[in-house]
Amino acid sequence: MASRAATLTFEWTMSTLRMKGFPWFPVVILGTLALAAIFADVLAPHSPEVGQLGQRFKPPAWQQGGASQFLLGTDHLGRDVLSRLIFGARVSMVVGLLAVFVAGTIGTFLGILSGYMGKWTDQLIMRVTDTWLAIPALTFAIFLAAILGPSEMNIVIILSAVYWTRYARVIRGEVLSLREREFVRLAIVAGCSKWTIMKRHILPNVLNTAIVIASLQLGVVIVAEAALSFLGVGVPPPKPAWGLMLADGKKGLMAGYWWLTVTPGMCIMLMVLSANLLGDWLRVKLDPQLRQL
């Protein structure tokens, strides 16, 4: 039995490795960042919030004046940049994934409700959605952050409130088509309630679309979180966040302390690029029309 399970696992692994166009680079990058976020307490060589004033502005270890104990140098308070980057991955992952999940749940529910119920329900939800979409996302997020105050959980709430509209608009369009399909009409004839039809027949058919939107939205949410932290209305100091590290390091950029801005900027770029590439691949794999090409 154990040998049979091992054989099936090996065959599944080999079929995955042979998968055409599988985005290995994004998966490896996101997997590495996820592991860094989960095991940050073990991997970080120093405290991300407490520094040594005698070690301020140490360059990376390979540069003249660098120290092997600070591989990526230190900041203006003598804090280890590598440790702050590792813990910053946890902040970005937690905020990004939670915000995408909450926004996706709200937007998918409202999209299904709007598309299937129609009439005044559809008009009310879509007019609210249009109003939300008319407001610049970052401006609206800054406004909400100024009201709620800076904290990780508040950022999740703010980003969820800003980005649910993308799901609602797309999901509604799919539901308008699905509600005319035969399996939905047969469910109506069989006496199923509207909530049962939406839960058992509509929701499973729009989950693929919601997953694709979520994968593409992850990069947008991470950039938005970094922007809010950079502007001082996101994750509060001294907690490490990549956007906050950019804000702290911008003053030293012209003085030659390039590692204070380049390293968090590279982390943001790699995470967003990987999330977008993975989202593009999922869009092709999960879209029936593209899958037939």
Foldseek 3Di string as FASTA:
>chain_A
DVVVVVVVVVVVVVVVVVDPPDPPLLVVLLVVLVVLLVCLVPPQLDDQAAADQVQALAAAQVDPRHDPSQRHGAHRRHGRPVSLLSNQSNLLVVLLVLLLVLLLVVQLVLLLCLQQVDDPSVVVSVVVLVVLVVDPLLVQLLVQLVVVFAASVSLSVSSSVNPSSVSNVVLSVVSNVQCPDPVNVVCVVVPDDPVCCSVPPSVVVCVLVSVLVSLLCSLVSSVSQLCCLLVPSYHHPPRRHLSVQLNRCPVCVVVPSVSSNVVSVVSSVSNSVSSNSNSVVSCCVSDVVNVVD
